[in-house]
Amino acid sequence: MIDIGHLHFGENKVQEAKDKWGVIKKYNKNIQLHMVGKLQSNKVKFAVHLFDYIHSLDNEKLAKKISVEQKKINKNLKIFIQVNIGDEKQKSGVHLDNLKDFYDTCCKKYFLNIIGLMCIPPKEIDVKSYFKKMSELNKSFGLKELSMGMSSDYLEAINFGATYVRIGSKIFGSRS
């Protein structure tokens, strides 16, 4: 895919990305890697070195660690705040009630480059209302990028302003 000009790639796991992209990225400076999975705080150091985007910032501890690691290597990642738009207990993400305070903390206390919001809406449900809400929230913060939509609903997400979609299984098939 790199040979035909595709430069943006998403990964769910830091270790897999490190094994897969470590050498490739050294020789292909234009490649942009996106951390789209849950980022564990003990993997932040590796993630900051390898990735250009993080789509899953969801707590202050993680924000602080990213900030510290970025400063060490003078890097400024592009970051999305993950929003728990469906208020689902089993999912990560900042709850709507806390979003404004969390956004302010990320920008003013940790000086993170928040470029947009990200969500994974509940499955088996009409996603339009969630995508509409995310689009409105993103605009209310004045953010230009919006990460939402996966292989099953990316077209709907694009209709509501998604600028980044995750369509890995449509391209590569399901994970085993």
C-alpha atoms as a PDB file:
ATOM      1  CA  MET A   1       0.000   0.000   0.000  1.00  0.00           C
ATOM      2  CA  ILE A   2       2.878   2.373   0.705  1.00  0.00           C
ATOM      3  CA  ASP A   3       4.095   1.832  -2.857  1.00  0.00           C
ATOM      4  CA  ILE A   4       0.832   3.220  -4.245  1.00  0.00           C
ATOM      5  CA  GLY A   5       0.885   6.301  -2.010  1.00  0.00           C
ATOM      6  CA  HIS A   6      -1.158   5.325   1.042  1.00  0.00           C
ATOM      7  CA  LEU A   7       0.506   7.010   4.014  1.00  0.00           C
ATOM      8  CA  HIS A   8      -1.930   6.844   6.955  1.00  0.00           C
ATOM      9  CA  PHE A   9      -2.208   3.600   8.909  1.00  0.00           C
ATOM     10  CA  GLY A  10      -3.989   2.760  12.144  1.00  0.00           C
ATOM     11  CA  GLU A  11      -2.974   0.255  14.792  1.00  0.00           C
ATOM     12  CA  ASN A  12      -4.812  -1.048  17.845  1.00  0.00           C
ATOM     13  CA  LYS A  13      -1.831  -2.253  19.853  1.00  0.00           C
ATOM     14  CA  VAL A  14       1.466  -0.544  20.587  1.00  0.00           C
ATOM     15  CA  GLN A  15       3.593  -3.708  20.573  1.00  0.00           C
ATOM     16  CA  GLU A  16       2.177  -4.913  17.234  1.00  0.00           C
ATOM     17  CA  ALA A  17       2.790  -1.481  15.743  1.00  0.00           C
ATOM     18  CA  LYS A  18       6.334  -1.371  17.099  1.00  0.00           C
ATOM     19  CA  ASP A  19       7.135  -4.768  15.594  1.00  0.00           C
ATOM     20  CA  LYS A  20       5.480  -3.934  12.269  1.00  0.00           C
ATOM     21  CA  TRP A  21       6.386  -0.286  11.721  1.00  0.00           C
ATOM     22  CA  GLY A  22       9.594   0.416  13.653  1.00  0.00           C
ATOM     23  CA  VAL A  23      11.984  -0.106  10.733  1.00  0.00           C
ATOM     24  CA  ILE A  24       9.541   0.824   7.959  1.00  0.00           C
ATOM     25  CA  LYS A  25       8.892   4.224   9.498  1.00  0.00           C
ATOM     26  CA  LYS A  26      12.622   5.008   9.717  1.00  0.00           C
ATOM     27  CA  TYR A  27      12.892   4.802   5.942  1.00  0.00           C
ATOM     28  CA  ASN A  28       9.471   6.247   5.105  1.00  0.00           C
ATOM     29  CA  LYS A  29       9.266   9.579   6.916  1.00  0.00           C
ATOM     30  CA  ASN A  30       5.922  10.458   5.309  1.00  0.00           C
ATOM     31  CA  ILE A  31       4.059   7.582   6.932  1.00  0.00           C
ATOM     32  CA  GLN A  32       1.596   8.738   9.576  1.00  0.00           C
ATOM     33  CA  LEU A  33       0.723   6.178  12.243  1.00  0.00           C
ATOM     34  CA  HIS A  34      -2.518   6.397  14.194  1.00  0.00           C
ATOM     35  CA  MET A  35      -3.012   4.738  17.579  1.00  0.00           C
ATOM     36  CA  VAL A  36      -6.700   3.885  17.389  1.00  0.00           C
ATOM     37  CA  GLY A  37      -6.903   1.327  20.189  1.00  0.00           C
ATOM     38  CA  LYS A  38      -6.928   1.750  23.949  1.00  0.00           C
ATOM     39  CA  LEU A  39      -3.589   3.201  25.039  1.00  0.00           C
ATOM     40  CA  GLN A  40      -2.290   1.821  28.318  1.00  0.00           C
ATOM     41  CA  SER A  41      -0.243   4.220  30.407  1.00  0.00           C
ATOM     42  CA  ASN A  42       2.694   1.792  30.597  1.00  0.00           C
ATOM     43  CA  LYS A  43       2.960   1.919  26.763  1.00  0.00           C
ATOM     44  CA  VAL A  44       2.926   5.717  26.416  1.00  0.00           C
ATOM     45  CA  LYS A  45       6.705   6.080  26.026  1.00  0.00           C
ATOM     46  CA  PHE A  46       6.731   3.699  23.056  1.00  0.00           C
ATOM     47  CA  ALA A  47       3.548   5.196  21.600  1.00  0.00           C
ATOM     48  CA  VAL A  48       4.849   8.757  21.666  1.00  0.00           C
ATOM     49  CA  HIS A  49       8.004   7.717  19.822  1.00  0.00           C
ATOM     50  CA  LEU A  50       6.192   5.697  17.155  1.00  0.00           C
ATOM     51  CA  PHE A  51       2.792   7.294  16.528  1.00  0.00           C
ATOM     52  CA  ASP A  52       1.824  10.617  14.996  1.00  0.00           C
ATOM     53  CA  TYR A  53      -1.816  10.520  16.125  1.00  0.00           C
ATOM     54  CA  ILE A  54      -3.543   9.155  19.202  1.00  0.00           C
ATOM     55  CA  HIS A  55      -7.291   8.658  18.850  1.00  0.00           C
ATOM     56  CA  SER A  56      -8.005   7.328  22.345  1.00  0.00           C
ATOM     57  CA  LEU A  57      -7.083   9.849  25.036  1.00  0.00           C
ATOM     58  CA  ASP A  58      -9.591   9.214  27.809  1.00  0.00           C
ATOM     59  CA  ASN A  59      -8.146  10.146  31.215  1.00  0.00           C
ATOM     60  CA  GLU A  60      -5.924  12.677  32.951  1.00  0.00           C
ATOM     61  CA  LYS A  61      -3.236  10.189  33.960  1.00  0.00           C
ATOM     62  CA  LEU A  62      -2.753   9.340  30.296  1.00  0.00           C
ATOM     63  CA  ALA A  63      -2.782  13.026  29.289  1.00  0.00           C
ATOM     64  CA  LYS A  64      -0.033  13.779  31.812  1.00  0.00           C
ATOM     65  CA  LYS A  65       2.133  10.863  30.655  1.00  0.00           C
ATOM     66  CA  ILE A  66       1.760  11.831  26.995  1.00  0.00           C
ATOM     67  CA  SER A  67       2.687  15.415  27.842  1.00  0.00           C
ATOM     68  CA  VAL A  68       5.813  14.358  29.743  1.00  0.00           C
ATOM     69  CA  GLU A  69       6.992  11.953  27.031  1.00  0.00           C
ATOM     70  CA  GLN A  70       6.387  14.453  24.227  1.00  0.00           C
ATOM     71  CA  LYS A  71       8.488  17.071  25.980  1.00  0.00           C
ATOM     72  CA  LYS A  72      11.381  14.622  26.344  1.00  0.00           C
ATOM     73  CA  ILE A  73      11.679  14.184  22.591  1.00  0.00           C
ATOM     74  CA  ASN A  74      10.239  17.520  21.435  1.00  0.00           C
ATOM     75  CA  LYS A  75       7.296  15.942  19.639  1.00  0.00           C
ATOM     76  CA  ASN A  76       3.749  17.248  19.310  1.00  0.00           C
ATOM     77  CA  LEU A  77       1.281  14.454  18.604  1.00  0.00           C
ATOM     78  CA  LYS A  78      -2.118  15.080  17.070  1.00  0.00           C
ATOM     79  CA  ILE A  79      -4.610  13.859  19.659  1.00  0.00           C
ATOM     80  CA  PHE A  80      -8.299  13.002  19.754  1.00  0.00           C
ATOM     81  CA  ILE A  81     -10.247  12.818  22.996  1.00  0.00           C
ATOM     82  CA  GLN A  82     -12.279   9.632  23.141  1.00  0.00           C
ATOM     83  CA  VAL A  83     -15.852  10.344  24.184  1.00  0.00           C
ATOM     84  CA  ASN A  84     -18.086   7.669  25.690  1.00  0.00           C
ATOM     85  CA  ILE A  85     -20.986   8.931  23.603  1.00  0.00           C
ATOM     86  CA  GLY A  86     -23.309   6.037  24.499  1.00  0.00           C
ATOM     87  CA  ASP A  87     -22.520   6.201  28.228  1.00  0.00           C
ATOM     88  CA  GLU A  88     -21.590   2.514  28.129  1.00  0.00           C
ATOM     89  CA  LYS A  89     -19.969   1.065  31.246  1.00  0.00           C
ATOM     90  CA  GLN A  90     -17.840  -1.406  29.281  1.00  0.00           C
ATOM     91  CA  LYS A  91     -16.332   1.279  27.014  1.00  0.00           C
ATOM     92  CA  SER A  92     -13.559   3.756  27.596  1.00  0.00           C
ATOM     93  CA  GLY A  93     -13.975   7.424  26.971  1.00  0.00           C
ATOM     94  CA  VAL A  94     -14.707  10.660  28.723  1.00  0.00           C
ATOM     95  CA  HIS A  95     -18.315  11.075  29.812  1.00  0.00           C
ATOM     96  CA  LEU A  96     -20.205  14.024  28.366  1.00  0.00           C
ATOM     97  CA  ASP A  97     -20.550  15.679  31.793  1.00  0.00           C
ATOM     98  CA  ASN A  98     -16.749  15.785  32.136  1.00  0.00           C
ATOM     99  CA  LEU A  99     -15.782  16.585  28.551  1.00  0.00           C
ATOM    100  CA  LYS A 100     -15.400  20.373  28.822  1.00  0.00           C
ATOM    101  CA  ASP A 101     -13.249  20.172  31.969  1.00  0.00           C
ATOM    102  CA  PHE A 102     -11.150  17.358  30.503  1.00  0.00           C
ATOM    103  CA  TYR A 103     -10.622  19.250  27.255  1.00  0.00           C
ATOM    104  CA  ASP A 104      -9.533  22.362  29.174  1.00  0.00           C
ATOM    105  CA  THR A 105      -7.167  20.314  31.344  1.00  0.00           C
ATOM    106  CA  CYS A 106      -5.568  18.698  28.292  1.00  0.00           C
ATOM    107  CA  CYS A 107      -5.044  22.028  26.550  1.00  0.00           C
ATOM    108  CA  LYS A 108      -4.220  24.378  29.415  1.00  0.00           C
ATOM    109  CA  LYS A 109      -2.475  22.152  31.949  1.00  0.00           C
ATOM    110  CA  TYR A 110      -0.744  19.608  29.695  1.00  0.00           C
ATOM    111  CA  PHE A 111      -0.514  21.678  26.481  1.00  0.00           C
ATOM    112  CA  LEU A 112      -1.665  18.788  24.317  1.00  0.00           C
ATOM    113  CA  ASN A 113      -2.521  19.308  20.666  1.00  0.00           C
ATOM    114  CA  ILE A 114      -6.171  18.253  20.738  1.00  0.00           C
ATOM    115  CA  ILE A 115      -7.328  18.219  17.121  1.00  0.00           C
ATOM    116  CA  GLY A 116     -10.687  16.510  17.546  1.00  0.00           C
ATOM    117  CA  LEU A 117     -13.001  14.105  19.295  1.00  0.00           C
ATOM    118  CA  MET A 118     -13.403  10.369  18.738  1.00  0.00           C
ATOM    119  CA  CYS A 119     -16.203   7.934  19.544  1.00  0.00           C
ATOM    120  CA  ILE A 120     -17.308   4.367  19.063  1.00  0.00           C
ATOM    121  CA  PRO A 121     -21.106   4.387  19.364  1.00  0.00           C
ATOM    122  CA  PRO A 122     -23.095   1.470  20.756  1.00  0.00           C
ATOM    123  CA  LYS A 123     -23.466  -1.533  18.449  1.00  0.00           C
ATOM    124  CA  GLU A 124     -26.770  -2.803  17.128  1.00  0.00           C
ATOM    125  CA  ILE A 125     -28.351   0.639  17.196  1.00  0.00           C
ATOM    126  CA  ASP A 126     -29.008   3.489  14.773  1.00  0.00           C
ATOM    127  CA  VAL A 127     -25.785   5.493  14.957  1.00  0.00           C
ATOM    128  CA  LYS A 128     -27.106   8.683  13.372  1.00  0.00           C
ATOM    129  CA  SER A 129     -28.055  10.357  16.655  1.00  0.00           C
ATOM    130  CA  TYR A 130     -24.622   9.584  18.148  1.00  0.00           C
ATOM    131  CA  PHE A 131     -22.746  10.838  15.093  1.00  0.00           C
ATOM    132  CA  LYS A 132     -24.888  13.981  15.035  1.00  0.00           C
ATOM    133  CA  LYS A 133     -24.140  14.648  18.708  1.00  0.00           C
ATOM    134  CA  MET A 134     -20.407  14.113  18.149  1.00  0.00           C
ATOM    135  CA  SER A 135     -20.415  16.494  15.204  1.00  0.00           C
ATOM    136  CA  GLU A 136     -22.140  19.144  17.321  1.00  0.00           C
ATOM    137  CA  LEU A 137     -19.729  18.620  20.224  1.00  0.00           C
ATOM    138  CA  ASN A 138     -16.709  18.826  17.932  1.00  0.00           C
ATOM    139  CA  LYS A 139     -17.957  22.106  16.470  1.00  0.00           C
ATOM    140  CA  SER A 140     -18.684  23.512  19.940  1.00  0.00           C
ATOM    141  CA  PHE A 141     -14.990  23.118  20.803  1.00  0.00           C
ATOM    142  CA  GLY A 142     -13.930  24.589  17.463  1.00  0.00           C
ATOM    143  CA  LEU A 143     -12.165  21.380  16.468  1.00  0.00           C
ATOM    144  CA  LYS A 144     -11.605  20.580  12.800  1.00  0.00           C
ATOM    145  CA  GLU A 145     -11.033  16.802  12.908  1.00  0.00           C
ATOM    146  CA  LEU A 146     -13.509  14.117  13.931  1.00  0.00           C
ATOM    147  CA  SER A 147     -12.663  10.428  14.320  1.00  0.00           C
ATOM    148  CA  MET A 148     -15.699   8.174  14.146  1.00  0.00           C
ATOM    149  CA  GLY A 149     -17.081   5.412  12.019  1.00  0.00           C
ATOM    150  CA  MET A 150     -15.876   1.887  11.400  1.00  0.00           C
ATOM    151  CA  SER A 151     -16.295  -0.656   8.622  1.00  0.00           C
ATOM    152  CA  SER A 152     -20.005  -1.099   9.361  1.00  0.00           C
ATOM    153  CA  ASP A 153     -20.977   2.580   9.612  1.00  0.00           C
ATOM    154  CA  TYR A 154     -18.235   4.733   8.106  1.00  0.00           C
ATOM    155  CA  LEU A 155     -20.438   6.136   5.318  1.00  0.00           C
ATOM    156  CA  GLU A 156     -22.930   7.414   7.883  1.00  0.00           C
ATOM    157  CA  ALA A 157     -20.051   8.864   9.939  1.00  0.00           C
ATOM    158  CA  ILE A 158     -18.743  10.733   6.894  1.00  0.00           C
ATOM    159  CA  ASN A 159     -22.225  12.179   6.343  1.00  0.00           C
ATOM    160  CA  PHE A 160     -21.962  13.679   9.850  1.00  0.00           C
ATOM    161  CA  GLY A 161     -18.519  15.171   9.327  1.00  0.00           C
ATOM    162  CA  ALA A 162     -16.043  12.409  10.191  1.00  0.00           C
ATOM    163  CA  THR A 163     -12.603  13.263   8.843  1.00  0.00           C
ATOM    164  CA  TYR A 164     -11.007  10.010  10.038  1.00  0.00           C
ATOM    165  CA  VAL A 165     -12.678   6.594   9.826  1.00  0.00           C
ATOM    166  CA  ARG A 166     -11.480   3.140  10.833  1.00  0.00           C
ATOM    167  CA  ILE A 167     -12.174   0.658   8.063  1.00  0.00           C
ATOM    168  CA  GLY A 168      -9.541  -1.994   8.693  1.00  0.00           C
ATOM    169  CA  SER A 169     -11.799  -5.032   8.532  1.00  0.00           C
ATOM    170  CA  LYS A 170     -13.278  -3.858   5.205  1.00  0.00           C
ATOM    171  CA  ILE A 171      -9.755  -3.729   3.789  1.00  0.00           C
ATOM    172  CA  PHE A 172      -7.904  -6.495   5.626  1.00  0.00           C
ATOM    173  CA  GLY A 173     -10.735  -8.728   6.845  1.00  0.00           C
ATOM    174  CA  SER A 174     -11.617  -9.623  10.423  1.00  0.00           C
ATOM    175  CA  ARG A 175      -8.934 -10.284  13.008  1.00  0.00           C
ATOM    176  CA  SER A 176      -8.479 -13.861  14.076  1.00  0.00           C
END
